[in-house]
N, C-alpha and C. Protein backbone atom coordinates (compact mmCIF):
# COMPACT_ATOMS: atom_id res chain seq x y z
N MET A 1 209.40 263.77 184.19
CA MET A 1 209.57 263.31 185.54
C MET A 1 208.59 262.15 185.78
N PRO A 2 209.06 261.05 186.40
CA PRO A 2 208.18 259.91 186.62
C PRO A 2 207.10 260.24 187.65
N LYS A 3 205.97 259.63 187.47
CA LYS A 3 204.85 259.84 188.37
C LYS A 3 204.96 258.84 189.52
N ILE A 4 204.83 259.31 190.74
CA ILE A 4 204.91 258.45 191.91
C ILE A 4 203.52 258.36 192.52
N SER A 5 203.11 257.14 192.81
CA SER A 5 201.81 256.92 193.41
C SER A 5 202.01 256.21 194.76
N LEU A 6 201.54 256.85 195.83
CA LEU A 6 201.64 256.27 197.16
C LEU A 6 200.25 256.21 197.78
N ASP A 7 199.95 255.10 198.40
CA ASP A 7 198.68 254.92 199.08
C ASP A 7 198.90 255.18 200.57
N GLY A 8 198.18 256.15 201.12
CA GLY A 8 198.33 256.50 202.53
C GLY A 8 198.06 255.33 203.46
N GLU A 9 197.05 254.53 203.14
CA GLU A 9 196.73 253.37 203.98
C GLU A 9 197.88 252.37 203.98
N THR A 10 198.54 252.23 202.84
CA THR A 10 199.68 251.33 202.76
C THR A 10 200.81 251.83 203.65
N LEU A 11 201.03 253.14 203.66
CA LEU A 11 202.07 253.70 204.53
C LEU A 11 201.75 253.47 206.00
N VAL A 12 200.48 253.58 206.37
CA VAL A 12 200.08 253.32 207.75
C VAL A 12 200.36 251.85 208.10
N GLU A 13 200.05 250.94 207.18
CA GLU A 13 200.33 249.51 207.41
C GLU A 13 201.83 249.26 207.53
N ILE A 14 202.61 249.90 206.68
CA ILE A 14 204.07 249.74 206.74
C ILE A 14 204.59 250.24 208.07
N ARG A 15 204.10 251.38 208.51
CA ARG A 15 204.54 251.92 209.80
C ARG A 15 204.22 250.96 210.93
N GLY A 16 203.03 250.37 210.91
CA GLY A 16 202.66 249.39 211.94
C GLY A 16 203.55 248.16 211.90
N SER A 17 203.87 247.69 210.71
CA SER A 17 204.76 246.54 210.57
C SER A 17 206.15 246.85 211.09
N LEU A 18 206.64 248.06 210.80
CA LEU A 18 207.95 248.45 211.29
C LEU A 18 207.97 248.52 212.81
N SER A 19 206.88 248.98 213.41
CA SER A 19 206.80 249.01 214.88
C SER A 19 206.89 247.61 215.45
N SER A 20 206.21 246.67 214.80
CA SER A 20 206.24 245.28 215.25
C SER A 20 207.65 244.70 215.13
N ILE A 21 208.29 244.95 214.00
CA ILE A 21 209.66 244.45 213.79
C ILE A 21 210.61 245.07 214.80
N GLU A 22 210.47 246.36 215.03
CA GLU A 22 211.33 247.04 216.00
C GLU A 22 211.20 246.38 217.37
N GLY A 23 209.99 246.03 217.75
CA GLY A 23 209.75 245.38 219.04
C GLY A 23 210.44 244.03 219.15
N ARG A 24 210.58 243.34 218.03
CA ARG A 24 211.24 242.03 218.04
C ARG A 24 212.74 242.14 218.25
N PHE A 25 213.29 243.32 218.04
CA PHE A 25 214.72 243.55 218.27
C PHE A 25 214.96 244.10 219.67
N SER A 26 214.01 243.89 220.56
CA SER A 26 214.11 244.46 221.90
C SER A 26 215.23 243.83 222.72
N ASP A 27 215.51 244.46 223.83
CA ASP A 27 216.56 243.98 224.72
C ASP A 27 216.19 242.66 225.40
N SER A 28 214.91 242.36 225.51
CA SER A 28 214.50 241.17 226.25
C SER A 28 215.06 239.89 225.64
N ALA A 29 215.19 239.83 224.31
CA ALA A 29 215.72 238.62 223.67
C ALA A 29 217.18 238.39 224.07
N SER A 30 217.97 239.44 224.07
CA SER A 30 219.38 239.27 224.44
C SER A 30 219.52 239.01 225.94
N GLU A 31 218.63 239.57 226.75
CA GLU A 31 218.68 239.30 228.19
C GLU A 31 218.37 237.83 228.46
N ARG A 32 217.41 237.26 227.77
CA ARG A 32 217.10 235.83 227.94
C ARG A 32 218.29 234.98 227.49
N ALA A 33 218.94 235.39 226.40
CA ALA A 33 220.09 234.63 225.91
C ALA A 33 221.22 234.64 226.94
N GLU A 34 221.46 235.79 227.58
CA GLU A 34 222.50 235.85 228.59
C GLU A 34 222.16 234.97 229.78
N ASP A 35 220.90 234.94 230.16
CA ASP A 35 220.49 234.08 231.27
C ASP A 35 220.74 232.62 230.95
N ASN A 36 220.55 232.23 229.70
CA ASN A 36 220.71 230.84 229.30
C ASN A 36 222.15 230.45 229.01
N ALA A 37 223.04 231.42 228.84
CA ALA A 37 224.43 231.13 228.48
C ALA A 37 225.13 230.30 229.54
N ASP A 38 224.81 230.52 230.80
CA ASP A 38 225.48 229.79 231.87
C ASP A 38 225.26 228.29 231.79
N GLY A 39 224.16 227.87 231.22
CA GLY A 39 223.85 226.45 231.15
C GLY A 39 224.44 225.73 229.96
N LEU A 40 225.31 226.39 229.20
CA LEU A 40 225.85 225.78 227.98
C LEU A 40 226.91 224.73 228.24
N GLY A 41 227.63 224.86 229.31
CA GLY A 41 228.67 223.86 229.59
C GLY A 41 229.95 224.50 230.04
N PRO A 42 231.08 224.06 229.44
CA PRO A 42 232.40 224.54 229.87
C PRO A 42 232.52 226.06 229.80
N GLU A 43 233.36 226.60 230.67
CA GLU A 43 233.57 228.04 230.78
C GLU A 43 233.95 228.67 229.44
N ARG A 44 234.80 227.98 228.68
CA ARG A 44 235.25 228.51 227.38
C ARG A 44 234.07 228.69 226.43
N LEU A 45 233.17 227.73 226.42
CA LEU A 45 231.99 227.81 225.57
C LEU A 45 231.07 228.93 226.04
N VAL A 46 230.90 229.07 227.34
CA VAL A 46 230.07 230.14 227.90
C VAL A 46 230.64 231.50 227.51
N ASP A 47 231.99 231.64 227.59
CA ASP A 47 232.62 232.91 227.21
C ASP A 47 232.37 233.24 225.75
N LYS A 48 232.48 232.24 224.87
CA LYS A 48 232.23 232.47 223.44
C LYS A 48 230.77 232.85 223.22
N ALA A 49 229.87 232.20 223.94
CA ALA A 49 228.44 232.51 223.80
C ALA A 49 228.18 233.95 224.25
N ARG A 50 228.80 234.36 225.34
CA ARG A 50 228.61 235.73 225.82
C ARG A 50 229.17 236.74 224.82
N ASP A 51 230.31 236.44 224.21
CA ASP A 51 230.88 237.32 223.18
C ASP A 51 229.91 237.47 222.02
N TYR A 52 229.33 236.33 221.59
CA TYR A 52 228.37 236.37 220.48
C TYR A 52 227.14 237.19 220.86
N ILE A 53 226.65 236.99 222.07
CA ILE A 53 225.47 237.73 222.53
C ILE A 53 225.76 239.22 222.54
N GLU A 54 226.95 239.59 223.01
CA GLU A 54 227.33 241.01 223.05
C GLU A 54 227.39 241.60 221.64
N ASP A 55 228.00 240.88 220.71
CA ASP A 55 228.10 241.36 219.33
C ASP A 55 226.72 241.44 218.67
N SER A 56 225.91 240.43 218.87
CA SER A 56 224.59 240.43 218.23
C SER A 56 223.68 241.48 218.85
N THR A 57 223.83 241.75 220.14
CA THR A 57 223.03 242.79 220.78
C THR A 57 223.32 244.14 220.16
N ALA A 58 224.60 244.41 219.91
CA ALA A 58 224.96 245.69 219.28
C ALA A 58 224.36 245.77 217.87
N ALA A 59 224.40 244.66 217.14
CA ALA A 59 223.82 244.65 215.79
C ALA A 59 222.31 244.85 215.85
N TYR A 60 221.65 244.20 216.81
CA TYR A 60 220.20 244.36 216.97
C TYR A 60 219.85 245.81 217.30
N GLU A 61 220.65 246.43 218.17
CA GLU A 61 220.38 247.82 218.52
C GLU A 61 220.51 248.73 217.30
N ARG A 62 221.50 248.47 216.45
CA ARG A 62 221.66 249.28 215.22
C ARG A 62 220.47 249.06 214.29
N MET A 63 220.05 247.80 214.14
CA MET A 63 218.90 247.52 213.27
C MET A 63 217.63 248.16 213.81
N ALA A 64 217.43 248.09 215.13
CA ALA A 64 216.25 248.71 215.73
C ALA A 64 216.25 250.22 215.50
N LYS A 65 217.41 250.85 215.63
CA LYS A 65 217.51 252.29 215.38
C LYS A 65 217.19 252.61 213.93
N ASN A 66 217.72 251.83 213.00
CA ASN A 66 217.45 252.07 211.58
C ASN A 66 215.97 251.90 211.26
N ILE A 67 215.36 250.88 211.84
CA ILE A 67 213.93 250.65 211.63
C ILE A 67 213.13 251.81 212.21
N ARG A 68 213.51 252.26 213.41
CA ARG A 68 212.82 253.40 214.04
C ARG A 68 212.96 254.65 213.19
N ASP A 69 214.14 254.88 212.61
CA ASP A 69 214.35 256.05 211.75
C ASP A 69 213.46 256.00 210.51
N ILE A 70 213.35 254.82 209.90
CA ILE A 70 212.48 254.67 208.72
C ILE A 70 211.03 254.92 209.12
N LYS A 71 210.63 254.31 210.24
CA LYS A 71 209.25 254.48 210.72
C LYS A 71 208.95 255.96 210.98
N ASP A 72 209.89 256.65 211.61
CA ASP A 72 209.68 258.07 211.90
C ASP A 72 209.65 258.93 210.63
N ALA A 73 210.34 258.49 209.59
CA ALA A 73 210.35 259.23 208.32
C ALA A 73 209.00 259.14 207.60
N ILE A 74 208.22 258.14 207.92
CA ILE A 74 206.90 257.98 207.29
C ILE A 74 205.91 259.03 207.82
N ASP A 75 206.07 259.44 209.08
CA ASP A 75 205.12 260.38 209.69
C ASP A 75 204.95 261.67 208.90
N PRO A 76 206.03 262.36 208.50
CA PRO A 76 205.83 263.60 207.73
C PRO A 76 205.12 263.36 206.39
N VAL A 77 205.36 262.21 205.78
CA VAL A 77 204.69 261.90 204.51
C VAL A 77 203.19 261.76 204.76
N LEU A 78 202.83 261.03 205.81
CA LEU A 78 201.40 260.88 206.13
C LEU A 78 200.76 262.21 206.48
N GLU A 79 201.48 263.05 207.22
CA GLU A 79 200.95 264.37 207.57
C GLU A 79 200.74 265.23 206.32
N SER A 80 201.68 265.16 205.38
CA SER A 80 201.52 265.96 204.16
C SER A 80 200.36 265.43 203.32
N PHE A 81 200.13 264.12 203.32
CA PHE A 81 198.97 263.56 202.62
C PHE A 81 197.68 264.12 203.22
N GLU A 82 197.61 264.13 204.55
CA GLU A 82 196.41 264.61 205.21
C GLU A 82 196.18 266.09 204.92
N GLU A 83 197.26 266.89 204.98
CA GLU A 83 197.14 268.32 204.67
C GLU A 83 196.68 268.54 203.23
N ALA A 84 197.24 267.76 202.30
CA ALA A 84 196.84 267.90 200.90
C ALA A 84 195.38 267.51 200.71
N ASP A 85 194.95 266.43 201.37
CA ASP A 85 193.55 266.00 201.28
C ASP A 85 192.62 267.08 201.80
N LEU A 86 192.96 267.65 202.96
CA LEU A 86 192.12 268.70 203.53
C LEU A 86 192.09 269.93 202.63
N GLY A 87 193.24 270.29 202.07
CA GLY A 87 193.31 271.45 201.17
C GLY A 87 192.48 271.24 199.92
N LEU A 88 192.59 270.07 199.33
CA LEU A 88 191.81 269.77 198.12
C LEU A 88 190.32 269.72 198.44
N ALA A 89 189.97 269.16 199.60
CA ALA A 89 188.56 269.09 199.98
C ALA A 89 187.99 270.49 200.18
N SER A 90 188.76 271.38 200.80
CA SER A 90 188.25 272.73 201.01
C SER A 90 188.12 273.48 199.69
N GLU A 91 188.98 273.20 198.73
CA GLU A 91 188.86 273.81 197.41
C GLU A 91 187.60 273.33 196.69
N LEU A 92 187.26 272.05 196.89
CA LEU A 92 186.05 271.51 196.26
C LEU A 92 184.80 272.16 196.84
N VAL A 93 184.81 272.40 198.15
CA VAL A 93 183.65 273.01 198.79
C VAL A 93 183.48 274.44 198.28
N GLY A 94 184.58 275.18 198.21
CA GLY A 94 184.55 276.53 197.65
C GLY A 94 183.69 277.49 198.44
N GLU A 95 183.46 278.65 197.86
CA GLU A 95 182.70 279.70 198.53
C GLU A 95 181.21 279.41 198.56
N GLU A 96 180.71 278.63 197.62
CA GLU A 96 179.28 278.37 197.54
C GLU A 96 178.84 277.27 198.48
N GLY A 97 179.80 276.56 199.08
CA GLY A 97 179.43 275.50 200.00
C GLY A 97 179.04 274.22 199.31
N GLY A 98 179.27 274.12 198.00
CA GLY A 98 178.93 272.89 197.29
C GLY A 98 180.04 271.87 197.39
N GLY A 99 179.81 270.71 196.86
CA GLY A 99 180.83 269.68 196.82
C GLY A 99 180.78 268.80 198.06
N PRO A 100 181.65 267.80 198.08
CA PRO A 100 181.63 266.86 199.19
C PRO A 100 182.20 267.48 200.46
N PRO A 101 181.82 266.92 201.62
CA PRO A 101 182.37 267.45 202.86
C PRO A 101 183.86 267.14 202.96
N PRO A 102 184.61 267.92 203.76
CA PRO A 102 186.04 267.65 203.93
C PRO A 102 186.28 266.30 204.58
N ALA A 103 187.49 265.80 204.45
CA ALA A 103 187.85 264.52 205.07
C ALA A 103 187.56 264.57 206.56
N GLY A 104 187.05 263.49 207.10
CA GLY A 104 186.73 263.45 208.51
C GLY A 104 185.26 263.80 208.78
N GLY A 105 184.48 264.01 207.74
CA GLY A 105 183.05 264.27 207.93
C GLY A 105 182.72 265.74 207.86
N PRO A 106 181.44 266.04 207.95
CA PRO A 106 181.00 267.45 207.84
C PRO A 106 181.51 268.26 209.02
N GLN A 107 181.81 269.52 208.74
CA GLN A 107 182.28 270.46 209.75
C GLN A 107 181.11 271.34 210.15
N PRO A 108 181.00 271.69 211.45
CA PRO A 108 179.88 272.55 211.88
C PRO A 108 180.06 273.98 211.41
């Protein structure tokens, strides 16, 4: 079986980047486009622009949902990393109290 190596900090960075990208697919961009459509010229051109805005808004909403789903899928992975780290740290400490302190600093 192939060995998989994942860096928790990298996953946190990816999650932050996905949040930023998701924000760029917000409704505000399509709302501004609709406001500007009236100034394009002839009615026929305005109608085509509105059709395009409507189609692209639906596509943006789908992309934003997919990005949100990926971002949300990272959370359980990060949680399992933290649980594994805490479990391994407590095993290192053992019954004698030796070894390094658990993640997050010494416990009282």
